[in-house]
PDB file of N, CA and C in Angstrom:
ATOM      1  N   MET A   1      -0.350  40.241   0.117  1.00  0.00           N
ATOM      2  CA  MET A   1       0.972  39.711  -0.185  1.00  0.00           C
ATOM      3  C   MET A   1       1.261  39.974  -1.666  1.00  0.00           C
ATOM      4  N   ASP A   2       2.378  40.666  -1.940  1.00  0.00           N
ATOM      5  CA  ASP A   2       2.697  40.948  -3.336  1.00  0.00           C
ATOM      6  C   ASP A   2       3.482  39.787  -3.957  1.00  0.00           C
ATOM      7  N   LYS A   3       3.737  39.919  -5.250  1.00  0.00           N
ATOM      8  CA  LYS A   3       4.355  38.824  -5.992  1.00  0.00           C
ATOM      9  C   LYS A   3       5.756  38.478  -5.459  1.00  0.00           C
ATOM     10  N   ASN A   4       6.534  39.486  -5.082  1.00  0.00           N
ATOM     11  CA  ASN A   4       7.877  39.220  -4.538  1.00  0.00           C
ATOM     12  C   ASN A   4       7.805  38.466  -3.217  1.00  0.00           C
ATOM     13  N   GLU A   5       6.859  38.853  -2.364  1.00  0.00           N
ATOM     14  CA  GLU A   5       6.686  38.158  -1.083  1.00  0.00           C
ATOM     15  C   GLU A   5       6.245  36.710  -1.312  1.00  0.00           C
ATOM     16  N   MET A   6       5.360  36.513  -2.282  1.00  0.00           N
ATOM     17  CA  MET A   6       4.925  35.156  -2.614  1.00  0.00           C
ATOM     18  C   MET A   6       6.098  34.316  -3.091  1.00  0.00           C
ATOM     19  N   GLN A   7       6.907  34.911  -3.965  1.00  0.00           N
ATOM     20  CA  GLN A   7       8.058  34.185  -4.507  1.00  0.00           C
ATOM     21  C   GLN A   7       9.041  33.838  -3.384  1.00  0.00           C
ATOM     22  N   GLU A   8       9.309  34.770  -2.490  1.00  0.00           N
ATOM     23  CA  GLU A   8      10.213  34.498  -1.368  1.00  0.00           C
ATOM     24  C   GLU A   8       9.671  33.378  -0.487  1.00  0.00           C
ATOM     25  N   SER A   9       8.377  33.407  -0.191  1.00  0.00           N
ATOM     26  CA  SER A   9       7.771  32.361   0.630  1.00  0.00           C
ATOM     27  C   SER A   9       7.857  31.009  -0.055  1.00  0.00           C
ATOM     28  N   LEU A  10       7.582  30.981  -1.352  1.00  0.00           N
ATOM     29  CA  LEU A  10       7.664  29.730  -2.101  1.00  0.00           C
ATOM     30  C   LEU A  10       9.095  29.203  -2.114  1.00  0.00           C
ATOM     31  N   LEU A  11      10.063  30.080  -2.314  1.00  0.00           N
ATOM     32  CA  LEU A  11      11.456  29.642  -2.354  1.00  0.00           C
ATOM     33  C   LEU A  11      11.907  29.089  -1.003  1.00  0.00           C
ATOM     34  N   LYS A  12      11.402  29.655   0.086  1.00  0.00           N
ATOM     35  CA  LYS A  12      11.728  29.113   1.415  1.00  0.00           C
ATOM     36  C   LYS A  12      11.217  27.680   1.546  1.00  0.00           C
ATOM     37  N   ILE A  13      10.034  27.426   1.006  1.00  0.00           N
ATOM     38  CA  ILE A  13       9.468  26.078   1.043  1.00  0.00           C
ATOM     39  C   ILE A  13      10.300  25.147   0.168  1.00  0.00           C
ATOM     40  N   VAL A  14      10.575  25.554  -1.061  1.00  0.00           N
ATOM     41  CA  VAL A  14      11.326  24.716  -2.009  1.00  0.00           C
ATOM     42  C   VAL A  14      12.707  24.385  -1.449  1.00  0.00           C
ATOM     43  N   LYS A  15      13.337  25.353  -0.815  1.00  0.00           N
ATOM     44  CA  LYS A  15      14.689  25.164  -0.272  1.00  0.00           C
ATOM     45  C   LYS A  15      14.751  23.978   0.685  1.00  0.00           C
ATOM     46  N   LEU A  16      13.694  23.755   1.438  1.00  0.00           N
ATOM     47  CA  LEU A  16      13.650  22.656   2.400  1.00  0.00           C
ATOM     48  C   LEU A  16      13.786  21.288   1.735  1.00  0.00           C
ATOM     49  N   TYR A  17      13.389  21.196   0.479  1.00  0.00           N
ATOM     50  CA  TYR A  17      13.323  19.899  -0.200  1.00  0.00           C
ATOM     51  C   TYR A  17      14.357  19.731  -1.309  1.00  0.00           C
ATOM     52  N   LEU A  18      15.243  20.701  -1.450  1.00  0.00           N
ATOM     53  CA  LEU A  18      16.290  20.569  -2.467  1.00  0.00           C
ATOM     54  C   LEU A  18      17.303  19.516  -2.043  1.00  0.00           C
ATOM     55  N   PRO A  19      17.734  18.673  -2.984  1.00  0.00           N
ATOM     56  CA  PRO A  19      18.801  17.723  -2.649  1.00  0.00           C
ATOM     57  C   PRO A  19      20.109  18.479  -2.385  1.00  0.00           C
ATOM     58  N   GLU A  20      21.041  17.819  -1.742  1.00  0.00           N
ATOM     59  CA  GLU A  20      22.297  18.465  -1.358  1.00  0.00           C
ATOM     60  C   GLU A  20      23.073  19.044  -2.532  1.00  0.00           C
ATOM     61  N   ASP A  21      22.915  18.450  -3.717  1.00  0.00           N
ATOM     62  CA  ASP A  21      23.693  18.904  -4.878  1.00  0.00           C
ATOM     63  C   ASP A  21      23.042  20.072  -5.627  1.00  0.00           C
ATOM     64  N   VAL A  22      21.931  20.597  -5.111  1.00  0.00           N
ATOM     65  CA  VAL A  22      21.251  21.727  -5.744  1.00  0.00           C
ATOM     66  C   VAL A  22      21.168  22.866  -4.733  1.00  0.00           C
ATOM     67  N   SER A  23      21.643  24.032  -5.145  1.00  0.00           N
ATOM     68  CA  SER A  23      21.635  25.211  -4.285  1.00  0.00           C
ATOM     69  C   SER A  23      20.380  26.045  -4.550  1.00  0.00           C
ATOM     70  N   ILE A  24      19.959  26.793  -3.553  1.00  0.00           N
ATOM     71  CA  ILE A  24      18.800  27.685  -3.734  1.00  0.00           C
ATOM     72  C   ILE A  24      19.097  28.712  -4.821  1.00  0.00           C
ATOM     73  N   GLU A  25      20.364  29.043  -5.028  1.00  0.00           N
ATOM     74  CA  GLU A  25      20.740  29.985  -6.088  1.00  0.00           C
ATOM     75  C   GLU A  25      20.481  29.399  -7.484  1.00  0.00           C
ATOM     76  N   ASP A  26      20.359  28.070  -7.571  1.00  0.00           N
ATOM     77  CA  ASP A  26      20.071  27.415  -8.848  1.00  0.00           C
ATOM     78  C   ASP A  26      18.598  27.523  -9.237  1.00  0.00           C
ATOM     79  N   VAL A  27      17.758  27.892  -8.295  1.00  0.00           N
ATOM     80  CA  VAL A  27      16.316  27.925  -8.533  1.00  0.00           C
ATOM     81  C   VAL A  27      15.945  29.199  -9.282  1.00  0.00           C
ATOM     82  N   GLN A  28      15.363  29.012 -10.461  1.00  0.00           N
ATOM     83  CA  GLN A  28      14.892  30.114 -11.304  1.00  0.00           C
ATOM     84  C   GLN A  28      13.394  29.949 -11.525  1.00  0.00           C
ATOM     85  N   LEU A  29      12.741  30.968 -12.049  1.00  0.00           N
ATOM     86  CA  LEU A  29      11.302  30.866 -12.318  1.00  0.00           C
ATOM     87  C   LEU A  29      10.977  29.716 -13.268  1.00  0.00           C
ATOM     88  N   LYS A  30      11.833  29.494 -14.248  1.00  0.00           N
ATOM     89  CA  LYS A  30      11.575  28.445 -15.241  1.00  0.00           C
ATOM     90  C   LYS A  30      12.059  27.065 -14.793  1.00  0.00           C
ATOM     91  N   SER A  31      12.627  26.968 -13.583  1.00  0.00           N
ATOM     92  CA  SER A  31      13.145  25.684 -13.094  1.00  0.00           C
ATOM     93  C   SER A  31      12.010  24.681 -12.919  1.00  0.00           C
ATOM     94  N   ASN A  32      12.195  23.506 -13.523  1.00  0.00           N
ATOM     95  CA  ASN A  32      11.256  22.404 -13.358  1.00  0.00           C
ATOM     96  C   ASN A  32      11.610  21.698 -12.050  1.00  0.00           C
ATOM     97  N   PHE A  33      10.612  21.472 -11.206  1.00  0.00           N
ATOM     98  CA  PHE A  33      10.869  20.880  -9.899  1.00  0.00           C
ATOM     99  C   PHE A  33      11.585  19.530  -9.992  1.00  0.00           C
ATOM    100  N   ILE A  34      11.137  18.684 -10.888  1.00  0.00           N
ATOM    101  CA  ILE A  34      11.693  17.331 -10.974  1.00  0.00           C
ATOM    102  C   ILE A  34      12.943  17.295 -11.863  1.00  0.00           C
ATOM    103  N   GLN A  35      12.848  17.842 -13.068  1.00  0.00           N
ATOM    104  CA  GLN A  35      13.951  17.733 -14.022  1.00  0.00           C
ATOM    105  C   GLN A  35      15.134  18.624 -13.684  1.00  0.00           C
ATOM    106  N   ASP A  36      14.903  19.869 -13.299  1.00  0.00           N
ATOM    107  CA  ASP A  36      15.993  20.807 -13.064  1.00  0.00           C
ATOM    108  C   ASP A  36      16.485  20.803 -11.621  1.00  0.00           C
ATOM    109  N   LEU A  37      15.563  20.629 -10.692  1.00  0.00           N
ATOM    110  CA  LEU A  37      15.917  20.750  -9.273  1.00  0.00           C
ATOM    111  C   LEU A  37      16.062  19.403  -8.571  1.00  0.00           C
ATOM    112  N   ASN A  38      15.800  18.314  -9.303  1.00  0.00           N
ATOM    113  CA  ASN A  38      15.940  16.952  -8.770  1.00  0.00           C
ATOM    114  C   ASN A  38      15.115  16.701  -7.514  1.00  0.00           C
ATOM    115  N   ILE A  39      13.944  17.326  -7.453  1.00  0.00           N
ATOM    116  CA  ILE A  39      13.037  17.095  -6.328  1.00  0.00           C
ATOM    117  C   ILE A  39      12.190  15.874  -6.669  1.00  0.00           C
ATOM    118  N   ASN A  40      12.202  14.881  -5.774  1.00  0.00           N
ATOM    119  CA  ASN A  40      11.446  13.663  -6.067  1.00  0.00           C
ATOM    120  C   ASN A  40       9.953  13.882  -5.843  1.00  0.00           C
ATOM    121  N   SER A  41       9.164  12.954  -6.333  1.00  0.00           N
ATOM    122  CA  SER A  41       7.712  13.132  -6.310  1.00  0.00           C
ATOM    123  C   SER A  41       7.160  13.186  -4.883  1.00  0.00           C
ATOM    124  N   ALA A  42       7.761  12.465  -3.954  1.00  0.00           N
ATOM    125  CA  ALA A  42       7.306  12.515  -2.563  1.00  0.00           C
ATOM    126  C   ALA A  42       7.523  13.908  -1.980  1.00  0.00           C
ATOM    127  N   HIS A  43       8.668  14.495  -2.275  1.00  0.00           N
ATOM    128  CA  HIS A  43       8.940  15.843  -1.788  1.00  0.00           C
ATOM    129  C   HIS A  43       8.076  16.879  -2.499  1.00  0.00           C
ATOM    130  N   LEU A  44       7.703  16.600  -3.736  1.00  0.00           N
ATOM    131  CA  LEU A  44       6.803  17.506  -4.442  1.00  0.00           C
ATOM    132  C   LEU A  44       5.445  17.559  -3.731  1.00  0.00           C
ATOM    133  N   VAL A  45       4.994  16.427  -3.240  1.00  0.00           N
ATOM    134  CA  VAL A  45       3.750  16.386  -2.463  1.00  0.00           C
ATOM    135  C   VAL A  45       3.919  17.207  -1.182  1.00  0.00           C
ATOM    136  N   ASP A  46       5.079  17.081  -0.544  1.00  0.00           N
ATOM    137  CA  ASP A  46       5.347  17.876   0.662  1.00  0.00           C
ATOM    138  C   ASP A  46       5.323  19.373   0.355  1.00  0.00           C
ATOM    139  N   ILE A  47       5.873  19.754  -0.787  1.00  0.00           N
ATOM    140  CA  ILE A  47       5.865  21.155  -1.198  1.00  0.00           C
ATOM    141  C   ILE A  47       4.424  21.636  -1.365  1.00  0.00           C
ATOM    142  N   VAL A  48       3.599  20.820  -2.010  1.00  0.00           N
ATOM    143  CA  VAL A  48       2.190  21.171  -2.213  1.00  0.00           C
ATOM    144  C   VAL A  48       1.497  21.382  -0.861  1.00  0.00           C
ATOM    145  N   LEU A  49       1.730  20.475   0.083  1.00  0.00           N
ATOM    146  CA  LEU A  49       1.107  20.591   1.400  1.00  0.00           C
ATOM    147  C   LEU A  49       1.585  21.853   2.121  1.00  0.00           C
ATOM    148  N   ASP A  50       2.877  22.135   2.015  1.00  0.00           N
ATOM    149  CA  ASP A  50       3.423  23.343   2.647  1.00  0.00           C
ATOM    150  C   ASP A  50       2.872  24.610   1.990  1.00  0.00           C
ATOM    151  N   VAL A  51       2.705  24.578   0.669  1.00  0.00           N
ATOM    152  CA  VAL A  51       2.128  25.723  -0.048  1.00  0.00           C
ATOM    153  C   VAL A  51       0.696  25.960   0.439  1.00  0.00           C
ATOM    154  N   GLU A  52      -0.066  24.887   0.586  1.00  0.00           N
ATOM    155  CA  GLU A  52      -1.443  25.028   1.071  1.00  0.00           C
ATOM    156  C   GLU A  52      -1.460  25.683   2.453  1.00  0.00           C
ATOM    157  N   ASP A  53      -0.571  25.238   3.332  1.00  0.00           N
ATOM    158  CA  ASP A  53      -0.509  25.803   4.686  1.00  0.00           C
ATOM    159  C   ASP A  53      -0.046  27.259   4.666  1.00  0.00           C
ATOM    160  N   GLU A  54       1.016  27.537   3.915  1.00  0.00           N
ATOM    161  CA  GLU A  54       1.613  28.876   3.886  1.00  0.00           C
ATOM    162  C   GLU A  54       0.651  29.924   3.315  1.00  0.00           C
ATOM    163  N   PHE A  55      -0.047  29.557   2.235  1.00  0.00           N
ATOM    164  CA  PHE A  55      -0.867  30.525   1.524  1.00  0.00           C
ATOM    165  C   PHE A  55      -2.365  30.399   1.811  1.00  0.00           C
ATOM    166  N   GLY A  56      -2.755  29.385   2.589  1.00  0.00           N
ATOM    167  CA  GLY A  56      -4.167  29.226   2.933  1.00  0.00           C
ATOM    168  C   GLY A  56      -5.031  28.880   1.737  1.00  0.00           C
ATOM    169  N   VAL A  57      -4.493  28.066   0.833  1.00  0.00           N
ATOM    170  CA  VAL A  57      -5.241  27.662  -0.358  1.00  0.00           C
ATOM    171  C   VAL A  57      -5.361  26.135  -0.379  1.00  0.00           C
ATOM    172  N   VAL A  58      -6.253  25.640  -1.202  1.00  0.00           N
ATOM    173  CA  VAL A  58      -6.401  24.203  -1.419  1.00  0.00           C
ATOM    174  C   VAL A  58      -6.051  23.931  -2.870  1.00  0.00           C
ATOM    175  N   LEU A  59      -5.085  23.057  -3.080  1.00  0.00           N
ATOM    176  CA  LEU A  59      -4.677  22.704  -4.439  1.00  0.00           C
ATOM    177  C   LEU A  59      -5.331  21.391  -4.838  1.00  0.00           C
ATOM    178  N   GLU A  60      -6.028  21.416  -5.952  1.00  0.00           N
ATOM    179  CA  GLU A  60      -6.691  20.227  -6.481  1.00  0.00           C
ATOM    180  C   GLU A  60      -5.685  19.410  -7.293  1.00  0.00           C
ATOM    181  N   ASN A  61      -6.079  18.206  -7.679  1.00  0.00           N
ATOM    182  CA  ASN A  61      -5.186  17.339  -8.465  1.00  0.00           C
ATOM    183  C   ASN A  61      -4.727  18.009  -9.750  1.00  0.00           C
ATOM    184  N   GLU A  62      -5.646  18.717 -10.432  1.00  0.00           N
ATOM    185  CA  GLU A  62      -5.263  19.376 -11.687  1.00  0.00           C
ATOM    186  C   GLU A  62      -4.265  20.507 -11.431  1.00  0.00           C
ATOM    187  N   ASP A  63      -4.367  21.156 -10.267  1.00  0.00           N
ATOM    188  CA  ASP A  63      -3.390  22.181  -9.911  1.00  0.00           C
ATOM    189  C   ASP A  63      -2.009  21.547  -9.735  1.00  0.00           C
ATOM    190  N   MET A  64      -1.994  20.421  -9.037  1.00  0.00           N
ATOM    191  CA  MET A  64      -0.721  19.735  -8.805  1.00  0.00           C
ATOM    192  C   MET A  64      -0.110  19.242 -10.117  1.00  0.00           C
ATOM    193  N   ASP A  65      -0.949  18.751 -11.010  1.00  0.00           N
ATOM    194  CA  ASP A  65      -0.458  18.299 -12.312  1.00  0.00           C
ATOM    195  C   ASP A  65       0.143  19.449 -13.104  1.00  0.00           C
ATOM    196  N   GLY A  66      -0.423  20.641 -12.947  1.00  0.00           N
ATOM    197  CA  GLY A  66       0.049  21.803 -13.680  1.00  0.00           C
ATOM    198  C   GLY A  66       1.229  22.500 -13.041  1.00  0.00           C
ATOM    199  N   MET A  67       1.613  22.062 -11.853  1.00  0.00           N
ATOM    200  CA  MET A  67       2.686  22.712 -11.113  1.00  0.00           C
ATOM    201  C   MET A  67       4.028  22.052 -11.445  1.00  0.00           C
ATOM    202  N   GLN A  68       4.522  22.344 -12.637  1.00  0.00           N
ATOM    203  CA  GLN A  68       5.777  21.744 -13.094  1.00  0.00           C
ATOM    204  C   GLN A  68       7.000  22.612 -12.768  1.00  0.00           C
ATOM    205  N   THR A  69       6.816  23.921 -12.803  1.00  0.00           N
ATOM    206  CA  THR A  69       7.926  24.848 -12.580  1.00  0.00           C
ATOM    207  C   THR A  69       7.598  25.793 -11.423  1.00  0.00           C
ATOM    208  N   VAL A  70       8.604  26.512 -10.972  1.00  0.00           N
ATOM    209  CA  VAL A  70       8.404  27.516  -9.931  1.00  0.00           C
ATOM    210  C   VAL A  70       7.391  28.556 -10.406  1.00  0.00           C
ATOM    211  N   GLU A  71       7.518  28.965 -11.658  1.00  0.00           N
ATOM    212  CA  GLU A  71       6.597  29.946 -12.236  1.00  0.00           C
ATOM    213  C   GLU A  71       5.164  29.414 -12.257  1.00  0.00           C
ATOM    214  N   ASP A  72       4.997  28.131 -12.609  1.00  0.00           N
ATOM    215  CA  ASP A  72       3.668  27.512 -12.584  1.00  0.00           C
ATOM    216  C   ASP A  72       3.071  27.591 -11.181  1.00  0.00           C
ATOM    217  N   ALA A  73       3.886  27.277 -10.202  1.00  0.00           N
ATOM    218  CA  ALA A  73       3.416  27.285  -8.818  1.00  0.00           C
ATOM    219  C   ALA A  73       2.956  28.681  -8.416  1.00  0.00           C
ATOM    220  N   LEU A  74       3.750  29.686  -8.757  1.00  0.00           N
ATOM    221  CA  LEU A  74       3.373  31.066  -8.433  1.00  0.00           C
ATOM    222  C   LEU A  74       2.075  31.465  -9.125  1.00  0.00           C
ATOM    223  N   SER A  75       1.906  31.066 -10.371  1.00  0.00           N
ATOM    224  CA  SER A  75       0.674  31.383 -11.107  1.00  0.00           C
ATOM    225  C   SER A  75      -0.539  30.727 -10.458  1.00  0.00           C
ATOM    226  N   ILE A  76      -0.385  29.481 -10.063  1.00  0.00           N
ATOM    227  CA  ILE A  76      -1.496  28.750  -9.434  1.00  0.00           C
ATOM    228  C   ILE A  76      -1.839  29.379  -8.085  1.00  0.00           C
ATOM    229  N   ILE A  77      -0.818  29.703  -7.300  1.00  0.00           N
ATOM    230  CA  ILE A  77      -1.055  30.340  -5.999  1.00  0.00           C
ATOM    231  C   ILE A  77      -1.764  31.681  -6.196  1.00  0.00           C
ATOM    232  N   THR A  78      -1.299  32.475  -7.142  1.00  0.00           N
ATOM    233  CA  THR A  78      -1.901  33.783  -7.414  1.00  0.00           C
ATOM    234  C   THR A  78      -3.366  33.629  -7.788  1.00  0.00           C
ATOM    235  N   LYS A  79      -3.663  32.681  -8.681  1.00  0.00           N
ATOM    236  CA  LYS A  79      -5.047  32.449  -9.103  1.00  0.00           C
ATOM    237  C   LYS A  79      -5.913  32.010  -7.929  1.00  0.00           C
ATOM    238  N   LYS A  80      -5.400  31.108  -7.101  1.00  0.00           N
ATOM    239  CA  LYS A  80      -6.159  30.617  -5.947  1.00  0.00           C
ATOM    240  C   LYS A  80      -6.462  31.752  -4.969  1.00  0.00           C
ATOM    241  N   LEU A  81      -5.476  32.615  -4.749  1.00  0.00           N
ATOM    242  CA  LEU A  81      -5.673  33.740  -3.827  1.00  0.00           C
ATOM    243  C   LEU A  81      -6.673  34.749  -4.391  1.00  0.00           C
ATOM    244  N   GLU A  82      -6.649  34.958  -5.700  1.00  0.00           N
ATOM    245  CA  GLU A  82      -7.594  35.881  -6.336  1.00  0.00           C
ATOM    246  C   GLU A  82      -9.016  35.337  -6.275  1.00  0.00           C
ATOM    247  N   ASP A  83      -9.153  34.003  -6.388  1.00  0.00           N
ATOM    248  CA  ASP A  83     -10.464  33.377  -6.390  1.00  0.00           C
ATOM    249  C   ASP A  83     -11.053  33.225  -4.983  1.00  0.00           C
ATOM    250  N   ALA A  84     -10.210  33.395  -3.972  1.00  0.00           N
ATOM    251  CA  ALA A  84     -10.652  33.188  -2.575  1.00  0.00           C
ATOM    252  C   ALA A  84     -11.549  34.305  -2.092  1.00  0.00           C
TER     253      ALA A  84
END
């Protein structure tokens, strides 16, 4: 899976949890899940679980703490896949 495919898969997951007032077109690599996209912490946990299922990785607490932006998430997923 290349970086574009990873990004598309991640955006499909994020789209499920965006509030009504935020469009998928608003999502950028530097978008902060909570501050910019208004995703609440419960939905952030759902995103983490969906990422684990989609990419076949296990995210530890420190990974979740570091997953503040879309770009952070992609970096963590990439690292997990490389280490697998």
